Amino acid sequence: MNSSTRSHLLLSRALAALLAGLSVALLVAVAVAGVRWMRGGVSARTTGYTVQDATRLTVTFTLNAPAHSTVVCQARAQASDGLDVGLAEMTVMMEGRRRDNVQIQVPTRRAASKGEVTSCRAQR
C-alpha cells in the first residue's frame, strides 16, 4: 500500500470516527430534550435542607418551569441509615420561568438527616 492510499485510509477512518461521535452526541441531546418535554420543561435542583426537629425537615430548591404554569413538586426526608422517613408534596404557581429558594416542609416519622426534591411536574 503506498503512502497516498494509507493517508486516504487514515483520513476515512478519522472522518468515520468523527461522524460516529457526532451521532452519539446528537442522540444524547435528543434524549435530554425528550425527557424535558415529557416533564413539561420543568426541572428542580435541591439547594439545601434544614432539620427543624425530630418531626420535620425543610427542603429548599430552585425551580425552572414555563412562566405562568402550575407545578407539583415532591420531596423526601431520609434518616442517616438511608431509609425514607417523610414525604411531602406541594403546588407551586410560577410567575416567571425561575423561582429560587422555594421551600417545602416535610413531616417525618423519626429524625431525618437529609432532604431532597425528588420530582416536579407541570400540572395539565
C-alpha atoms as a PDB file:
ATOM      1  CA  MET A   1       0.000   0.000   0.000  1.00  0.00           C
ATOM      2  CA  ASN A   2       1.512   3.340  -0.997  1.00  0.00           C
ATOM      3  CA  SER A   3       1.590   6.410   1.279  1.00  0.00           C
ATOM      4  CA  SER A   4      -1.247   8.148  -0.604  1.00  0.00           C
ATOM      5  CA  THR A   5      -3.599   5.184  -0.101  1.00  0.00           C
ATOM      6  CA  ARG A   6      -2.543   4.893   3.541  1.00  0.00           C
ATOM      7  CA  SER A   7      -3.226   8.608   4.131  1.00  0.00           C
ATOM      8  CA  HIS A   8      -6.618   8.323   2.453  1.00  0.00           C
ATOM      9  CA  LEU A   9      -7.492   5.297   4.616  1.00  0.00           C
ATOM     10  CA  LEU A  10      -6.461   7.113   7.826  1.00  0.00           C
ATOM     11  CA  LEU A  11      -8.486  10.174   6.819  1.00  0.00           C
ATOM     12  CA  SER A  12     -11.526   7.999   6.072  1.00  0.00           C
ATOM     13  CA  ARG A  13     -11.249   6.304   9.475  1.00  0.00           C
ATOM     14  CA  ALA A  14     -10.883   9.652  11.266  1.00  0.00           C
ATOM     15  CA  LEU A  15     -13.928  11.017   9.443  1.00  0.00           C
ATOM     16  CA  ALA A  16     -15.940   7.898  10.323  1.00  0.00           C
ATOM     17  CA  ALA A  17     -14.947   8.234  13.993  1.00  0.00           C
ATOM     18  CA  LEU A  18     -15.894  11.905  13.990  1.00  0.00           C
ATOM     19  CA  LEU A  19     -19.288  11.186  12.440  1.00  0.00           C
ATOM     20  CA  ALA A  20     -19.915   8.391  14.961  1.00  0.00           C
ATOM     21  CA  GLY A  21     -19.066  10.763  17.834  1.00  0.00           C
ATOM     22  CA  LEU A  22     -21.362  13.452  16.462  1.00  0.00           C
ATOM     23  CA  SER A  23     -24.157  10.897  16.058  1.00  0.00           C
ATOM     24  CA  VAL A  24     -23.841   9.846  19.702  1.00  0.00           C
ATOM     25  CA  ALA A  25     -23.856  13.494  20.831  1.00  0.00           C
ATOM     26  CA  LEU A  26     -26.979  14.166  18.762  1.00  0.00           C
ATOM     27  CA  LEU A  27     -28.752  11.125  20.220  1.00  0.00           C
ATOM     28  CA  VAL A  28     -27.927  12.257  23.766  1.00  0.00           C
ATOM     29  CA  ALA A  29     -29.188  15.780  23.034  1.00  0.00           C
ATOM     30  CA  VAL A  30     -32.444  14.414  21.589  1.00  0.00           C
ATOM     31  CA  ALA A  31     -32.903  12.123  24.606  1.00  0.00           C
ATOM     32  CA  VAL A  32     -32.379  15.002  27.057  1.00  0.00           C
ATOM     33  CA  ALA A  33     -34.792  17.207  25.114  1.00  0.00           C
ATOM     34  CA  GLY A  34     -37.339  14.382  25.088  1.00  0.00           C
ATOM     35  CA  VAL A  35     -37.139  13.910  28.848  1.00  0.00           C
ATOM     36  CA  ARG A  36     -37.535  17.671  29.411  1.00  0.00           C
ATOM     37  CA  TRP A  37     -40.521  17.717  27.037  1.00  0.00           C
ATOM     38  CA  MET A  38     -42.140  14.807  28.899  1.00  0.00           C
ATOM     39  CA  ARG A  39     -41.666  16.712  32.157  1.00  0.00           C
ATOM     40  CA  GLY A  40     -43.239  19.788  30.602  1.00  0.00           C
ATOM     41  CA  GLY A  41     -39.949  21.710  30.592  1.00  0.00           C
ATOM     42  CA  VAL A  42     -39.739  21.500  34.391  1.00  0.00           C
ATOM     43  CA  SER A  43     -36.566  20.960  36.395  1.00  0.00           C
ATOM     44  CA  ALA A  44     -35.728  21.335  40.075  1.00  0.00           C
ATOM     45  CA  ARG A  45     -32.445  21.355  41.979  1.00  0.00           C
ATOM     46  CA  THR A  46     -32.158  20.919  45.730  1.00  0.00           C
ATOM     47  CA  THR A  47     -30.064  23.755  47.150  1.00  0.00           C
ATOM     48  CA  GLY A  48     -30.275  22.845  50.824  1.00  0.00           C
ATOM     49  CA  TYR A  49     -32.238  21.388  53.703  1.00  0.00           C
ATOM     50  CA  THR A  50     -32.717  22.182  57.367  1.00  0.00           C
ATOM     51  CA  VAL A  51     -33.637  19.666  60.052  1.00  0.00           C
ATOM     52  CA  GLN A  52     -36.169  21.585  62.148  1.00  0.00           C
ATOM     53  CA  ASP A  53     -36.587  18.898  64.806  1.00  0.00           C
ATOM     54  CA  ALA A  54     -37.278  15.142  65.056  1.00  0.00           C
ATOM     55  CA  THR A  55     -40.656  15.584  63.324  1.00  0.00           C
ATOM     56  CA  ARG A  56     -39.963  17.902  60.374  1.00  0.00           C
ATOM     57  CA  LEU A  57     -37.420  18.991  57.818  1.00  0.00           C
ATOM     58  CA  THR A  58     -37.421  21.876  55.311  1.00  0.00           C
ATOM     59  CA  VAL A  59     -36.084  21.347  51.781  1.00  0.00           C
ATOM     60  CA  THR A  60     -35.019  24.405  49.772  1.00  0.00           C
ATOM     61  CA  PHE A  61     -34.788  24.228  45.985  1.00  0.00           C
ATOM     62  CA  THR A  62     -34.632  26.150  42.719  1.00  0.00           C
ATOM     63  CA  LEU A  63     -37.434  25.509  40.242  1.00  0.00           C
ATOM     64  CA  ASN A  64     -37.391  26.136  36.482  1.00  0.00           C
ATOM     65  CA  ALA A  65     -40.667  25.816  34.584  1.00  0.00           C
ATOM     66  CA  PRO A  66     -42.714  27.631  31.961  1.00  0.00           C
ATOM     67  CA  ALA A  67     -43.939  31.036  33.117  1.00  0.00           C
ATOM     68  CA  HIS A  68     -47.499  31.088  34.476  1.00  0.00           C
ATOM     69  CA  SER A  69     -47.603  27.312  34.909  1.00  0.00           C
ATOM     70  CA  THR A  70     -48.670  25.283  37.923  1.00  0.00           C
ATOM     71  CA  VAL A  71     -46.075  22.775  39.100  1.00  0.00           C
ATOM     72  CA  VAL A  72     -46.425  19.915  41.596  1.00  0.00           C
ATOM     73  CA  CYS A  73     -43.211  19.022  43.444  1.00  0.00           C
ATOM     74  CA  GLN A  74     -42.432  16.145  45.791  1.00  0.00           C
ATOM     75  CA  ALA A  75     -39.697  15.981  48.402  1.00  0.00           C
ATOM     76  CA  ARG A  76     -38.454  13.357  50.810  1.00  0.00           C
ATOM     77  CA  ALA A  77     -36.597  13.208  54.085  1.00  0.00           C
ATOM     78  CA  GLN A  78     -34.145  10.425  54.835  1.00  0.00           C
ATOM     79  CA  ALA A  79     -32.696   9.114  58.070  1.00  0.00           C
ATOM     80  CA  SER A  80     -28.962   8.565  58.487  1.00  0.00           C
ATOM     81  CA  ASP A  81     -29.444   4.889  57.564  1.00  0.00           C
ATOM     82  CA  GLY A  82     -30.855   5.932  54.148  1.00  0.00           C
ATOM     83  CA  LEU A  83     -34.469   4.996  54.829  1.00  0.00           C
ATOM     84  CA  ASP A  84     -37.198   7.428  53.786  1.00  0.00           C
ATOM     85  CA  VAL A  85     -38.807   8.873  56.907  1.00  0.00           C
ATOM     86  CA  GLY A  86     -41.009  11.528  55.327  1.00  0.00           C
ATOM     87  CA  LEU A  87     -42.646  12.570  52.061  1.00  0.00           C
ATOM     88  CA  ALA A  88     -44.409  15.776  51.084  1.00  0.00           C
ATOM     89  CA  GLU A  89     -45.987  17.324  48.015  1.00  0.00           C
ATOM     90  CA  MET A  90     -46.690  20.945  47.201  1.00  0.00           C
ATOM     91  CA  THR A  91     -48.092  23.016  44.361  1.00  0.00           C
ATOM     92  CA  VAL A  92     -46.069  25.972  43.081  1.00  0.00           C
ATOM     93  CA  MET A  93     -47.523  28.737  40.919  1.00  0.00           C
ATOM     94  CA  MET A  94     -44.863  30.044  38.550  1.00  0.00           C
ATOM     95  CA  GLU A  95     -44.858  33.754  37.734  1.00  0.00           C
ATOM     96  CA  GLY A  96     -41.616  33.814  35.743  1.00  0.00           C
ATOM     97  CA  ARG A  97     -39.572  30.913  34.436  1.00  0.00           C
ATOM     98  CA  ARG A  98     -37.420  30.517  37.559  1.00  0.00           C
ATOM     99  CA  ARG A  99     -38.047  30.559  41.305  1.00  0.00           C
ATOM    100  CA  ASP A 100     -35.216  30.447  43.791  1.00  0.00           C
ATOM    101  CA  ASN A 101     -35.462  29.478  47.459  1.00  0.00           C
ATOM    102  CA  VAL A 102     -38.699  27.526  47.159  1.00  0.00           C
ATOM    103  CA  GLN A 103     -39.277  25.689  50.442  1.00  0.00           C
ATOM    104  CA  ILE A 104     -41.286  22.600  51.240  1.00  0.00           C
ATOM    105  CA  GLN A 105     -41.941  21.310  54.755  1.00  0.00           C
ATOM    106  CA  VAL A 106     -41.578  17.545  55.098  1.00  0.00           C
ATOM    107  CA  PRO A 107     -43.136  15.914  58.171  1.00  0.00           C
ATOM    108  CA  THR A 108     -41.053  12.973  59.412  1.00  0.00           C
ATOM    109  CA  ARG A 109     -41.808   9.744  61.302  1.00  0.00           C
ATOM    110  CA  ARG A 110     -38.435   9.944  63.039  1.00  0.00           C
ATOM    111  CA  ALA A 111     -35.366  12.162  62.949  1.00  0.00           C
ATOM    112  CA  ALA A 112     -34.101  12.903  59.449  1.00  0.00           C
ATOM    113  CA  SER A 113     -30.555  13.714  58.419  1.00  0.00           C
ATOM    114  CA  LYS A 114     -31.091  14.627  54.753  1.00  0.00           C
ATOM    115  CA  GLY A 115     -33.758  16.036  52.449  1.00  0.00           C
ATOM    116  CA  GLU A 116     -34.191  16.484  48.715  1.00  0.00           C
ATOM    117  CA  VAL A 117     -36.684  17.305  45.985  1.00  0.00           C
ATOM    118  CA  THR A 118     -37.428  14.062  44.165  1.00  0.00           C
ATOM    119  CA  SER A 119     -39.621  15.296  41.303  1.00  0.00           C
ATOM    120  CA  CYS A 120     -41.505  18.228  39.857  1.00  0.00           C
ATOM    121  CA  ARG A 121     -44.016  18.115  37.022  1.00  0.00           C
ATOM    122  CA  ALA A 122     -46.268  20.602  35.310  1.00  0.00           C
ATOM    123  CA  GLN A 123     -49.946  20.144  36.066  1.00  0.00           C
ATOM    124  CA  ARG A 124     -52.032  19.625  32.973  1.00  0.00           C
END
